[in-house]
N, C-alpha and C. Protein backbone atom coordinates (compact mmCIF):
# COMPACT_ATOMS: atom_id res chain seq x y z
N MET A 1 1.04 -1.48 0.04
CA MET A 1 0.41 0.18 0.11
C MET A 1 1.12 1.53 0.33
N LYS A 2 1.12 2.58 -0.62
CA LYS A 2 1.13 3.10 -1.43
C LYS A 2 1.09 4.73 -0.12
N SER A 3 2.08 4.98 0.73
CA SER A 3 1.70 6.08 1.96
C SER A 3 0.38 7.07 1.39
N THR A 4 0.18 7.59 1.45
CA THR A 4 -0.11 9.12 0.67
C THR A 4 0.96 10.64 2.27
N MET A 5 1.62 9.12 2.83
CA MET A 5 1.82 10.86 3.50
C MET A 5 3.07 11.25 2.94
N THR A 6 3.05 12.56 2.27
CA THR A 6 3.98 13.35 2.05
C THR A 6 5.31 13.92 2.87
N TYR A 7 6.75 13.22 3.38
CA TYR A 7 7.32 14.19 4.13
C TYR A 7 8.89 14.66 2.66
N SER A 8 9.52 15.86 3.81
CA SER A 8 10.08 16.83 3.44
C SER A 8 11.46 16.71 4.16
N PHE A 9 12.75 17.28 3.42
CA PHE A 9 14.03 17.34 3.65
C PHE A 9 13.85 18.68 5.18
N GLY A 10 14.88 17.55 6.45
CA GLY A 10 14.13 18.08 7.25
C GLY A 10 13.20 18.04 8.73
N ASP A 11 12.43 16.93 7.72
CA ASP A 11 11.29 15.86 8.62
C ASP A 11 11.91 14.87 9.08
N VAL A 12 11.96 14.78 10.69
CA VAL A 12 12.13 13.94 11.46
C VAL A 12 11.10 12.79 11.57
N VAL A 13 11.97 11.38 12.15
CA VAL A 13 10.25 9.65 11.67
C VAL A 13 10.30 9.54 12.41
N LEU A 14 9.54 8.52 13.32
CA LEU A 14 10.13 7.47 13.25
C LEU A 14 10.43 5.51 12.33
N VAL A 15 10.98 5.42 12.53
CA VAL A 15 11.65 4.35 11.72
C VAL A 15 10.91 2.18 12.08
N ASN A 16 10.60 1.86 11.31
CA ASN A 16 9.97 0.42 12.02
C ASN A 16 11.62 -0.62 11.58
N PHE A 17 12.45 -0.71 12.21
CA PHE A 17 13.94 -1.27 12.54
C PHE A 17 13.93 -2.67 12.94
N PRO A 18 14.52 -3.99 12.14
CA PRO A 18 14.22 -4.90 12.26
C PRO A 18 15.03 -5.23 13.68
N PHE A 19 14.95 -5.97 14.46
CA PHE A 19 16.07 -6.22 15.10
C PHE A 19 17.66 -6.68 14.50
N SER A 20 18.75 -6.56 14.70
CA SER A 20 19.99 -7.92 14.37
C SER A 20 19.19 -9.01 14.42
N SER A 21 18.63 -9.28 14.70
CA SER A 21 18.61 -11.38 14.53
C SER A 21 16.77 -11.78 14.03
N ASN A 22 16.79 -10.02 13.48
CA ASN A 22 15.43 -9.77 12.94
C ASN A 22 14.03 -10.66 13.01
N VAL A 23 14.30 -10.76 14.21
CA VAL A 23 13.26 -10.76 15.04
C VAL A 23 12.81 -9.95 16.04
N GLY A 24 11.55 -9.13 15.22
CA GLY A 24 10.88 -7.68 15.42
C GLY A 24 11.65 -6.80 15.19
N ILE A 25 10.51 -5.87 15.41
CA ILE A 25 11.39 -4.31 15.14
C ILE A 25 11.47 -3.89 16.98
N LYS A 26 12.31 -2.93 16.00
CA LYS A 26 12.32 -1.60 17.43
C LYS A 26 12.65 0.22 16.49
N LYS A 27 11.02 0.80 16.78
CA LYS A 27 10.62 2.05 16.46
C LYS A 27 13.03 2.73 16.53
N ARG A 28 13.23 3.24 15.51
CA ARG A 28 14.39 4.83 15.46
C ARG A 28 13.47 5.67 14.63
N PRO A 29 14.72 7.26 16.06
CA PRO A 29 14.86 8.32 15.73
C PRO A 29 15.45 8.45 13.54
N ALA A 30 14.84 8.68 12.91
CA ALA A 30 15.52 8.74 12.20
C ALA A 30 15.41 11.18 10.57
N VAL A 31 16.25 11.05 10.41
CA VAL A 31 15.72 12.07 9.46
C VAL A 31 15.61 12.09 7.87
N VAL A 32 14.42 13.65 7.62
CA VAL A 32 14.92 12.75 6.09
C VAL A 32 15.51 13.28 5.36
N ILE A 33 16.24 13.09 4.77
CA ILE A 33 17.66 14.31 3.91
C ILE A 33 17.81 14.48 2.71
N SER A 34 16.11 13.42 2.23
CA SER A 34 15.66 13.52 0.55
C SER A 34 15.04 14.29 0.32
N LYS A 35 14.68 15.48 -1.22
CA LYS A 35 13.69 16.58 -1.50
C LYS A 35 12.21 15.96 -1.74
N THR A 36 11.19 16.94 -1.37
CA THR A 36 9.95 16.30 -1.12
C THR A 36 9.75 16.71 -2.30
N ASP A 37 10.03 17.18 -4.12
CA ASP A 37 9.89 17.16 -5.14
C ASP A 37 10.90 14.60 -5.65
N PHE A 38 10.84 14.18 -4.73
CA PHE A 38 12.01 12.93 -4.92
C PHE A 38 10.97 12.22 -4.16
N ASN A 39 10.80 12.42 -3.02
CA ASN A 39 9.69 11.86 -2.21
C ASN A 39 8.23 11.47 -2.51
N LYS A 40 7.93 12.71 -3.44
CA LYS A 40 6.95 12.76 -3.89
C LYS A 40 6.71 11.69 -5.08
N SER A 41 7.88 10.83 -5.82
CA SER A 41 7.54 10.16 -6.83
C SER A 41 8.54 8.89 -6.69
N LYS A 42 8.74 8.49 -5.53
CA LYS A 42 8.89 7.45 -5.01
C LYS A 42 8.90 6.29 -3.51
N LYS A 43 9.02 5.64 -3.83
CA LYS A 43 7.81 4.46 -2.62
C LYS A 43 9.49 4.78 -1.38
N ASP A 44 10.69 5.61 -1.36
CA ASP A 44 11.52 5.26 -0.91
C ASP A 44 11.82 6.91 -0.31
N LEU A 45 12.37 6.63 0.53
CA LEU A 45 13.01 7.42 1.35
C LEU A 45 14.38 8.19 1.97
N LEU A 46 15.30 8.95 1.98
CA LEU A 46 16.39 8.75 1.86
C LEU A 46 16.89 9.53 3.14
N LEU A 47 17.49 8.37 4.47
CA LEU A 47 17.37 9.09 5.51
C LEU A 47 18.60 9.72 5.74
N LEU A 48 18.95 9.66 7.46
CA LEU A 48 20.35 10.07 8.27
C LEU A 48 19.79 9.18 8.68
N ALA A 49 19.96 8.74 9.56
CA ALA A 49 20.24 8.61 11.36
C ALA A 49 20.45 9.43 12.19
N ILE A 50 19.50 8.90 13.79
CA ILE A 50 19.18 10.05 14.58
C ILE A 50 19.98 9.46 15.92
N THR A 51 20.57 9.73 16.67
CA THR A 51 21.38 8.60 17.93
C THR A 51 21.28 9.59 19.47
N SER A 52 21.30 9.23 20.32
CA SER A 52 20.71 9.61 22.18
C SER A 52 21.78 8.89 22.15
N LYS A 53 23.38 8.48 21.76
CA LYS A 53 24.08 7.97 22.50
C LYS A 53 25.78 9.04 21.79
N ILE A 54 25.57 10.16 21.92
CA ILE A 54 26.34 11.21 22.15
C ILE A 54 27.70 11.49 22.85
N ASP A 55 28.49 10.41 23.40
CA ASP A 55 29.61 10.07 24.01
C ASP A 55 30.54 10.07 23.50
N ASN A 56 31.04 9.47 22.48
CA ASN A 56 31.77 9.34 20.98
C ASN A 56 31.72 9.37 19.42
N LEU A 57 30.60 10.87 19.21
CA LEU A 57 31.26 11.63 17.84
C LEU A 57 32.45 11.44 17.44
N THR A 58 31.87 10.55 16.43
CA THR A 58 32.86 10.74 15.83
C THR A 58 32.72 11.01 14.36
N ILE A 59 33.90 11.51 12.45
CA ILE A 59 32.95 11.96 11.76
C ILE A 59 31.73 12.64 11.41
N GLY A 60 31.18 13.40 10.66
CA GLY A 60 29.92 13.32 10.09
C GLY A 60 28.90 12.57 11.55
N GLU A 61 29.41 12.05 12.98
CA GLU A 61 28.35 12.57 14.51
C GLU A 61 28.60 14.71 14.18
N ILE A 62 26.77 15.37 14.43
CA ILE A 62 26.83 15.91 15.09
C ILE A 62 25.65 16.09 15.76
N LEU A 63 25.96 16.86 16.98
CA LEU A 63 24.85 17.08 17.48
C LEU A 63 23.96 18.60 17.46
N LEU A 64 22.51 17.86 17.77
CA LEU A 64 20.72 18.98 17.41
C LEU A 64 20.90 19.30 17.83
N THR A 65 20.65 21.16 18.11
CA THR A 65 20.94 21.68 18.89
C THR A 65 19.66 22.08 19.81
N ASN A 66 18.34 21.35 18.93
CA ASN A 66 17.07 21.88 19.35
C ASN A 66 16.76 20.72 18.97
N TRP A 67 16.85 19.75 19.91
CA TRP A 67 16.15 18.71 19.58
C TRP A 67 14.75 17.74 20.33
N LYS A 68 14.05 19.00 21.21
CA LYS A 68 12.72 19.09 22.09
C LYS A 68 11.91 19.20 20.26
N GLN A 69 12.39 20.32 20.26
CA GLN A 69 11.94 21.00 19.10
C GLN A 69 11.57 19.46 17.36
N ALA A 70 12.89 18.96 17.48
CA ALA A 70 12.78 17.82 16.11
C ALA A 70 11.51 16.20 16.84
N GLY A 71 10.45 16.73 17.87
CA GLY A 71 10.51 15.59 18.44
C GLY A 71 10.64 14.40 19.70
N LEU A 72 12.41 14.77 19.67
CA LEU A 72 13.65 14.38 20.35
C LEU A 72 12.97 13.96 22.06
N VAL A 73 13.14 12.86 22.67
CA VAL A 73 13.31 12.99 24.23
C VAL A 73 14.41 12.50 24.98
N LYS A 74 15.62 12.94 24.53
CA LYS A 74 17.12 13.00 25.22
C LYS A 74 17.62 13.92 23.84
N PRO A 75 18.80 14.41 23.98
CA PRO A 75 19.36 15.23 23.50
C PRO A 75 19.79 14.18 22.43
N SER A 76 20.37 14.71 21.59
CA SER A 76 20.95 13.28 20.26
C SER A 76 22.26 14.17 19.36
N ALA A 77 22.38 13.48 18.26
CA ALA A 77 22.90 13.49 17.33
C ALA A 77 22.67 12.67 15.76
N PHE A 78 23.00 13.57 14.75
CA PHE A 78 22.66 12.83 13.31
C PHE A 78 24.57 11.74 13.65
N LYS A 79 23.77 10.87 12.77
CA LYS A 79 24.59 9.26 12.94
C LYS A 79 24.94 9.62 11.51
N SER A 80 26.46 9.38 11.07
CA SER A 80 26.91 9.09 10.05
C SER A 80 26.52 7.71 9.43
N VAL A 81 24.94 7.55 9.00
CA VAL A 81 24.01 6.19 8.27
C VAL A 81 23.59 6.43 7.33
N ILE A 82 23.37 6.86 6.12
CA ILE A 82 22.18 6.99 5.74
C ILE A 82 21.92 5.78 4.63
N PHE A 83 20.33 5.80 5.28
CA PHE A 83 19.68 4.87 3.80
C PHE A 83 18.49 5.47 3.51
N THR A 84 18.27 4.39 2.60
CA THR A 84 16.32 4.86 2.29
C THR A 84 15.76 3.70 3.19
N VAL A 85 14.06 3.45 2.34
CA VAL A 85 12.67 2.62 3.70
C VAL A 85 11.89 3.27 2.66
N GLU A 86 10.77 2.13 2.38
CA GLU A 86 10.27 2.42 2.36
C GLU A 86 8.97 3.39 2.46
N ASN A 87 8.52 3.93 2.42
CA ASN A 87 7.31 4.86 3.26
C ASN A 87 6.34 4.12 4.40
N GLN A 88 6.28 3.17 3.72
CA GLN A 88 6.01 1.90 4.67
C GLN A 88 6.26 1.21 6.39
N HIS A 89 7.47 2.43 5.77
CA HIS A 89 8.29 1.27 6.70
C HIS A 89 8.63 2.92 8.18
N VAL A 90 7.74 4.04 7.53
CA VAL A 90 8.10 4.89 8.46
C VAL A 90 6.26 4.45 9.10
N ASP A 91 6.88 4.61 10.46
CA ASP A 91 5.18 4.74 11.76
C ASP A 91 5.03 5.55 12.05
N LYS A 92 5.84 7.07 12.05
CA LYS A 92 4.85 8.87 12.34
C LYS A 92 6.66 10.11 11.34
N THR A 93 5.53 10.67 11.79
CA THR A 93 5.80 11.65 11.82
C THR A 93 6.46 12.95 12.73
N ILE A 94 7.70 12.98 13.50
CA ILE A 94 7.53 13.48 15.13
C ILE A 94 8.28 15.44 15.77
N GLY A 95 8.75 15.12 14.33
CA GLY A 95 9.14 17.01 14.51
C GLY A 95 9.81 17.39 13.16
N LYS A 96 9.74 17.75 13.07
CA LYS A 96 10.42 19.72 12.18
C LYS A 96 12.14 19.89 12.83
N LEU A 97 13.00 19.96 12.22
CA LEU A 97 14.20 20.77 12.98
C LEU A 97 13.97 22.28 11.82
N THR A 98 14.51 22.45 12.72
CA THR A 98 14.30 23.56 13.23
C THR A 98 15.75 24.14 11.73
N ASN A 99 15.90 25.54 11.93
CA ASN A 99 16.67 26.48 10.53
C ASN A 99 18.35 26.30 11.35
N PRO A 100 19.07 26.81 12.69
CA PRO A 100 20.05 25.80 12.81
C PRO A 100 20.24 23.73 12.52
N ASP A 101 20.02 23.74 12.89
CA ASP A 101 20.09 22.40 13.00
C ASP A 101 19.70 22.08 11.53
N ARG A 102 19.25 22.33 10.86
CA ARG A 102 19.21 22.75 8.58
C ARG A 102 20.27 21.87 8.93
N ASN A 103 20.46 23.39 8.87
CA ASN A 103 22.20 24.35 8.78
C ASN A 103 23.81 23.01 9.16
N ILE A 104 23.02 22.38 10.80
CA ILE A 104 23.90 21.65 11.34
C ILE A 104 23.68 20.49 10.50
N LEU A 105 22.01 19.50 9.31
CA LEU A 105 22.88 18.53 8.68
C LEU A 105 22.90 18.79 7.43
N LEU A 106 23.16 20.60 7.34
CA LEU A 106 23.84 20.52 5.66
C LEU A 106 25.76 19.71 6.09
N ASP A 107 25.80 20.76 7.63
CA ASP A 107 27.46 20.20 7.71
C ASP A 107 27.92 18.43 7.46
N CYS A 108 26.67 17.99 8.74
CA CYS A 108 26.86 16.59 8.81
C CYS A 108 26.79 15.66 6.73
N LEU A 109 26.15 16.42 6.27
CA LEU A 109 25.46 16.12 4.52
C LEU A 109 27.22 16.01 4.64
N LYS A 110 27.78 17.49 4.27
CA LYS A 110 28.95 17.75 3.61
C LYS A 110 30.43 16.77 4.03
N GLN A 111 30.30 16.64 5.23
CA GLN A 111 31.24 15.46 6.50
C GLN A 111 31.84 14.30 5.98
N ILE A 112 30.16 13.80 5.33
CA ILE A 112 29.89 11.79 5.49
C ILE A 112 30.24 12.09 3.65
N LEU A 113 29.97 12.87 2.89
CA LEU A 113 29.45 12.35 1.41
C LEU A 113 31.29 13.17 0.59
N GLU A 114 31.71 14.57 0.78
CA GLU A 114 33.00 15.52 0.92
C GLU A 114 31.65 15.89 -0.25
N LEU A 115 30.75 16.49 0.25
CA LEU A 115 30.37 18.11 -0.82
C LEU A 115 31.25 19.17 0.04
N SER A 116 30.96 20.08 -1.86
CA SER A 116 31.65 21.80 -0.91
C SER A 116 30.08 21.80 -0.67
């Protein structure tokens, strides 16, 4: 079933991830990094993972400054993991990045992808 929800760059969503044992799922936050036009024309979204494990951040992992406004329950960081997911595996939208965090996300993507 095709999702009727339209996602935009900077939307923070909960995604159903399978456990590594492939038995059961866990909901994890991620941020949409693909453009609205792309998302409207495809059944998949491009996402960047978000983590609450912020003690030992590495390259491409940057703290969000406005994590509460993004719908997150604790301080979090962008994680340097880009992935695709079918729209049907998005549980719900929990928030939207503020403009400062959108800029941080762009910096994160530049570090990961070596964009200028």
